Amino acid sequence: MSRNYEAIREHYAGNDRGDLDAMLAPVTGQTVWREMEGSAYPGTYVGRGDIIAGVFQKIGTDWENYRFTLDRLIDGGDTIVAIGTYSGTFKKTGKAMSARVVHVWDMEDGHAARFEQFADTRMMEKATR
């Protein structure tokens, strides 16, 4: 296992435990985090503070039982790819969601330089409307 793979494997293990600090361990002040247009929180966020405020805090506020279930983690050296499913219930509408997703991590020596989300945004949108 590469150092990059291990860092992202630990990110998802932290996700399973609900441990935000572990999830953010590979994220630096320069990490560029991109949420897909059409997703619940579209846009580009840079650094831990921006990512927490723009994504993770909103998830915690807006969703009930929100989770990412990892199905497969692929070690591409400097690029790590995660395939899985988002699920949860949007609090304002009471609608449940299950959406397939791919995360692409561009890594530098165990740290995330870039993260990009590709998701079934139609399923996400249906829950929030």
C-alpha atoms as a PDB file:
ATOM      1  CA  MET A   1       0.000   0.000   0.000  1.00  0.00           C
ATOM      2  CA  SER A   2       1.282   3.432  -0.890  1.00  0.00           C
ATOM      3  CA  ARG A   3       1.429   6.296   1.606  1.00  0.00           C
ATOM      4  CA  ASN A   4      -1.191   8.125  -0.466  1.00  0.00           C
ATOM      5  CA  TYR A   5      -3.541   5.127  -0.456  1.00  0.00           C
ATOM      6  CA  GLU A   6      -3.090   4.654   3.283  1.00  0.00           C
ATOM      7  CA  ALA A   7      -3.887   8.338   3.983  1.00  0.00           C
ATOM      8  CA  ILE A   8      -7.162   8.125   2.053  1.00  0.00           C
ATOM      9  CA  ARG A   9      -8.026   4.712   3.485  1.00  0.00           C
ATOM     10  CA  GLU A  10      -7.689   6.320   6.928  1.00  0.00           C
ATOM     11  CA  HIS A  11      -9.866   9.248   5.777  1.00  0.00           C
ATOM     12  CA  TYR A  12     -12.711   6.836   5.006  1.00  0.00           C
ATOM     13  CA  ALA A  13     -12.122   4.842   8.203  1.00  0.00           C
ATOM     14  CA  GLY A  14     -12.530   8.159  10.057  1.00  0.00           C
ATOM     15  CA  ASN A  15     -15.724   8.771   8.108  1.00  0.00           C
ATOM     16  CA  ASP A  16     -17.078   5.408   9.271  1.00  0.00           C
ATOM     17  CA  ARG A  17     -16.327   6.378  12.892  1.00  0.00           C
ATOM     18  CA  GLY A  18     -17.724   9.912  12.537  1.00  0.00           C
ATOM     19  CA  ASP A  19     -14.240  11.282  13.298  1.00  0.00           C
ATOM     20  CA  LEU A  20     -13.882  14.594  11.435  1.00  0.00           C
ATOM     21  CA  ASP A  21     -10.280  15.085  12.589  1.00  0.00           C
ATOM     22  CA  ALA A  22      -9.285  11.750  11.041  1.00  0.00           C
ATOM     23  CA  MET A  23     -11.203  12.602   7.879  1.00  0.00           C
ATOM     24  CA  LEU A  24      -9.354  15.896   7.563  1.00  0.00           C
ATOM     25  CA  ALA A  25      -5.893  14.458   8.325  1.00  0.00           C
ATOM     26  CA  PRO A  26      -4.807  14.414   4.637  1.00  0.00           C
ATOM     27  CA  VAL A  27      -6.278  17.888   4.001  1.00  0.00           C
ATOM     28  CA  THR A  28      -3.914  20.877   4.115  1.00  0.00           C
ATOM     29  CA  GLY A  29      -4.365  24.631   4.027  1.00  0.00           C
ATOM     30  CA  GLN A  30      -3.848  24.461   0.260  1.00  0.00           C
ATOM     31  CA  THR A  31      -6.085  21.484  -0.569  1.00  0.00           C
ATOM     32  CA  VAL A  32      -8.504  22.358  -3.368  1.00  0.00           C
ATOM     33  CA  TRP A  33     -11.843  20.576  -2.781  1.00  0.00           C
ATOM     34  CA  ARG A  34     -14.398  20.568  -5.586  1.00  0.00           C
ATOM     35  CA  GLU A  35     -18.029  19.597  -5.103  1.00  0.00           C
ATOM     36  CA  MET A  36     -19.847  18.914  -8.366  1.00  0.00           C
ATOM     37  CA  GLU A  37     -22.354  21.370  -9.822  1.00  0.00           C
ATOM     38  CA  GLY A  38     -25.823  20.099  -9.029  1.00  0.00           C
ATOM     39  CA  SER A  39     -24.707  18.569  -5.747  1.00  0.00           C
ATOM     40  CA  ALA A  40     -26.005  19.879  -2.426  1.00  0.00           C
ATOM     41  CA  TYR A  41     -22.949  22.151  -1.902  1.00  0.00           C
ATOM     42  CA  PRO A  42     -21.464  22.891  -5.330  1.00  0.00           C
ATOM     43  CA  GLY A  43     -18.275  24.859  -5.641  1.00  0.00           C
ATOM     44  CA  THR A  44     -14.588  24.914  -4.958  1.00  0.00           C
ATOM     45  CA  TYR A  45     -13.281  25.193  -1.408  1.00  0.00           C
ATOM     46  CA  VAL A  46      -9.645  25.752  -0.438  1.00  0.00           C
ATOM     47  CA  GLY A  47      -8.131  24.685   2.864  1.00  0.00           C
ATOM     48  CA  ARG A  48      -9.546  23.024   5.964  1.00  0.00           C
ATOM     49  CA  GLY A  49     -11.606  25.948   7.235  1.00  0.00           C
ATOM     50  CA  ASP A  50     -13.283  26.568   3.904  1.00  0.00           C
ATOM     51  CA  ILE A  51     -13.966  22.847   3.397  1.00  0.00           C
ATOM     52  CA  ILE A  52     -15.422  22.424   6.879  1.00  0.00           C
ATOM     53  CA  ALA A  53     -17.671  25.492   6.560  1.00  0.00           C
ATOM     54  CA  GLY A  54     -18.710  24.866   2.952  1.00  0.00           C
ATOM     55  CA  VAL A  55     -19.278  21.125   3.127  1.00  0.00           C
ATOM     56  CA  PHE A  56     -19.039  19.254   6.424  1.00  0.00           C
ATOM     57  CA  GLN A  57     -20.869  21.724   8.699  1.00  0.00           C
ATOM     58  CA  LYS A  58     -23.684  22.004   6.171  1.00  0.00           C
ATOM     59  CA  ILE A  59     -24.000  18.231   5.892  1.00  0.00           C
ATOM     60  CA  GLY A  60     -24.265  17.996   9.680  1.00  0.00           C
ATOM     61  CA  THR A  61     -26.918  20.707   9.781  1.00  0.00           C
ATOM     62  CA  ASP A  62     -28.996  19.743   6.741  1.00  0.00           C
ATOM     63  CA  TRP A  63     -29.010  15.935   6.758  1.00  0.00           C
ATOM     64  CA  GLU A  64     -30.079  13.152   9.065  1.00  0.00           C
ATOM     65  CA  ASN A  65     -28.115   9.873   9.018  1.00  0.00           C
ATOM     66  CA  TYR A  66     -25.902  11.158   6.185  1.00  0.00           C
ATOM     67  CA  ARG A  67     -23.159   8.754   5.224  1.00  0.00           C
ATOM     68  CA  PHE A  68     -20.747   7.779   2.519  1.00  0.00           C
ATOM     69  CA  THR A  69     -20.418   4.039   2.089  1.00  0.00           C
ATOM     70  CA  LEU A  70     -17.153   3.047   0.424  1.00  0.00           C
ATOM     71  CA  ASP A  71     -17.388   0.156  -2.021  1.00  0.00           C
ATOM     72  CA  ARG A  72     -13.970   0.318  -3.632  1.00  0.00           C
ATOM     73  CA  LEU A  73     -10.701   2.199  -3.162  1.00  0.00           C
ATOM     74  CA  ILE A  74      -8.251   2.216  -6.056  1.00  0.00           C
ATOM     75  CA  ASP A  75      -4.530   2.951  -5.638  1.00  0.00           C
ATOM     76  CA  GLY A  76      -3.309   4.865  -8.672  1.00  0.00           C
ATOM     77  CA  GLY A  77      -0.115   6.109  -7.027  1.00  0.00           C
ATOM     78  CA  ASP A  78      -0.542   9.893  -6.918  1.00  0.00           C
ATOM     79  CA  THR A  79      -4.246   9.537  -7.704  1.00  0.00           C
ATOM     80  CA  ILE A  80      -6.572   7.606  -5.404  1.00  0.00           C
ATOM     81  CA  VAL A  81     -10.130   6.857  -6.525  1.00  0.00           C
ATOM     82  CA  ALA A  82     -12.999   5.996  -4.194  1.00  0.00           C
ATOM     83  CA  ILE A  83     -16.303   4.568  -5.418  1.00  0.00           C
ATOM     84  CA  GLY A  84     -19.337   4.435  -3.183  1.00  0.00           C
ATOM     85  CA  THR A  85     -22.764   5.705  -2.249  1.00  0.00           C
ATOM     86  CA  TYR A  86     -24.073   8.739  -0.383  1.00  0.00           C
ATOM     87  CA  SER A  87     -27.235   8.241   1.648  1.00  0.00           C
ATOM     88  CA  GLY A  88     -29.263  10.215   4.124  1.00  0.00           C
ATOM     89  CA  THR A  89     -32.478  12.135   4.679  1.00  0.00           C
ATOM     90  CA  PHE A  90     -32.692  15.854   3.962  1.00  0.00           C
ATOM     91  CA  LYS A  91     -34.178  17.415   7.098  1.00  0.00           C
ATOM     92  CA  LYS A  92     -36.171  20.224   5.428  1.00  0.00           C
ATOM     93  CA  THR A  93     -38.028  17.894   3.041  1.00  0.00           C
ATOM     94  CA  GLY A  94     -37.909  14.583   4.919  1.00  0.00           C
ATOM     95  CA  LYS A  95     -36.874  12.916   1.667  1.00  0.00           C
ATOM     96  CA  ALA A  96     -34.314  10.124   1.649  1.00  0.00           C
ATOM     97  CA  MET A  97     -31.489   9.971  -0.866  1.00  0.00           C
ATOM     98  CA  SER A  98     -29.150   7.317  -2.208  1.00  0.00           C
ATOM     99  CA  ALA A  99     -26.679   8.484  -4.851  1.00  0.00           C
ATOM    100  CA  ARG A 100     -23.681   6.798  -6.430  1.00  0.00           C
ATOM    101  CA  VAL A 101     -20.466   8.796  -6.195  1.00  0.00           C
ATOM    102  CA  VAL A 102     -16.820   8.774  -7.204  1.00  0.00           C
ATOM    103  CA  HIS A 103     -14.135  10.733  -5.359  1.00  0.00           C
ATOM    104  CA  VAL A 104     -10.844  11.481  -7.091  1.00  0.00           C
ATOM    105  CA  TRP A 105      -7.934  12.453  -4.831  1.00  0.00           C
ATOM    106  CA  ASP A 106      -4.728  13.924  -6.285  1.00  0.00           C
ATOM    107  CA  MET A 107      -2.084  13.321  -3.659  1.00  0.00           C
ATOM    108  CA  GLU A 108       1.378  14.628  -2.815  1.00  0.00           C
ATOM    109  CA  ASP A 109       3.353  12.623  -0.259  1.00  0.00           C
ATOM    110  CA  GLY A 110       0.321  11.520   1.763  1.00  0.00           C
ATOM    111  CA  HIS A 111      -1.493  14.875   1.573  1.00  0.00           C
ATOM    112  CA  ALA A 112      -4.443  15.857  -0.599  1.00  0.00           C
ATOM    113  CA  ALA A 113      -3.540  18.450  -3.208  1.00  0.00           C
ATOM    114  CA  ARG A 114      -6.960  18.183  -4.856  1.00  0.00           C
ATOM    115  CA  PHE A 115     -10.254  16.382  -4.271  1.00  0.00           C
ATOM    116  CA  GLU A 116     -13.039  16.183  -6.832  1.00  0.00           C
ATOM    117  CA  GLN A 117     -16.491  14.700  -6.411  1.00  0.00           C
ATOM    118  CA  PHE A 118     -18.511  13.125  -9.226  1.00  0.00           C
ATOM    119  CA  ALA A 119     -22.025  12.173  -8.117  1.00  0.00           C
ATOM    120  CA  ASP A 120     -25.516  11.317  -9.248  1.00  0.00           C
ATOM    121  CA  THR A 121     -26.659  14.848  -8.563  1.00  0.00           C
ATOM    122  CA  ARG A 122     -30.197  14.167  -9.755  1.00  0.00           C
ATOM    123  CA  MET A 123     -30.749  11.880  -6.771  1.00  0.00           C
ATOM    124  CA  MET A 124     -29.288  14.503  -4.438  1.00  0.00           C
ATOM    125  CA  GLU A 125     -31.449  17.247  -5.921  1.00  0.00           C
ATOM    126  CA  LYS A 126     -34.635  15.168  -5.631  1.00  0.00           C
ATOM    127  CA  ALA A 127     -34.085  14.881  -1.876  1.00  0.00           C
ATOM    128  CA  THR A 128     -33.514  18.611  -1.378  1.00  0.00           C
ATOM    129  CA  ARG A 129     -36.516  19.864  -3.393  1.00  0.00           C
END
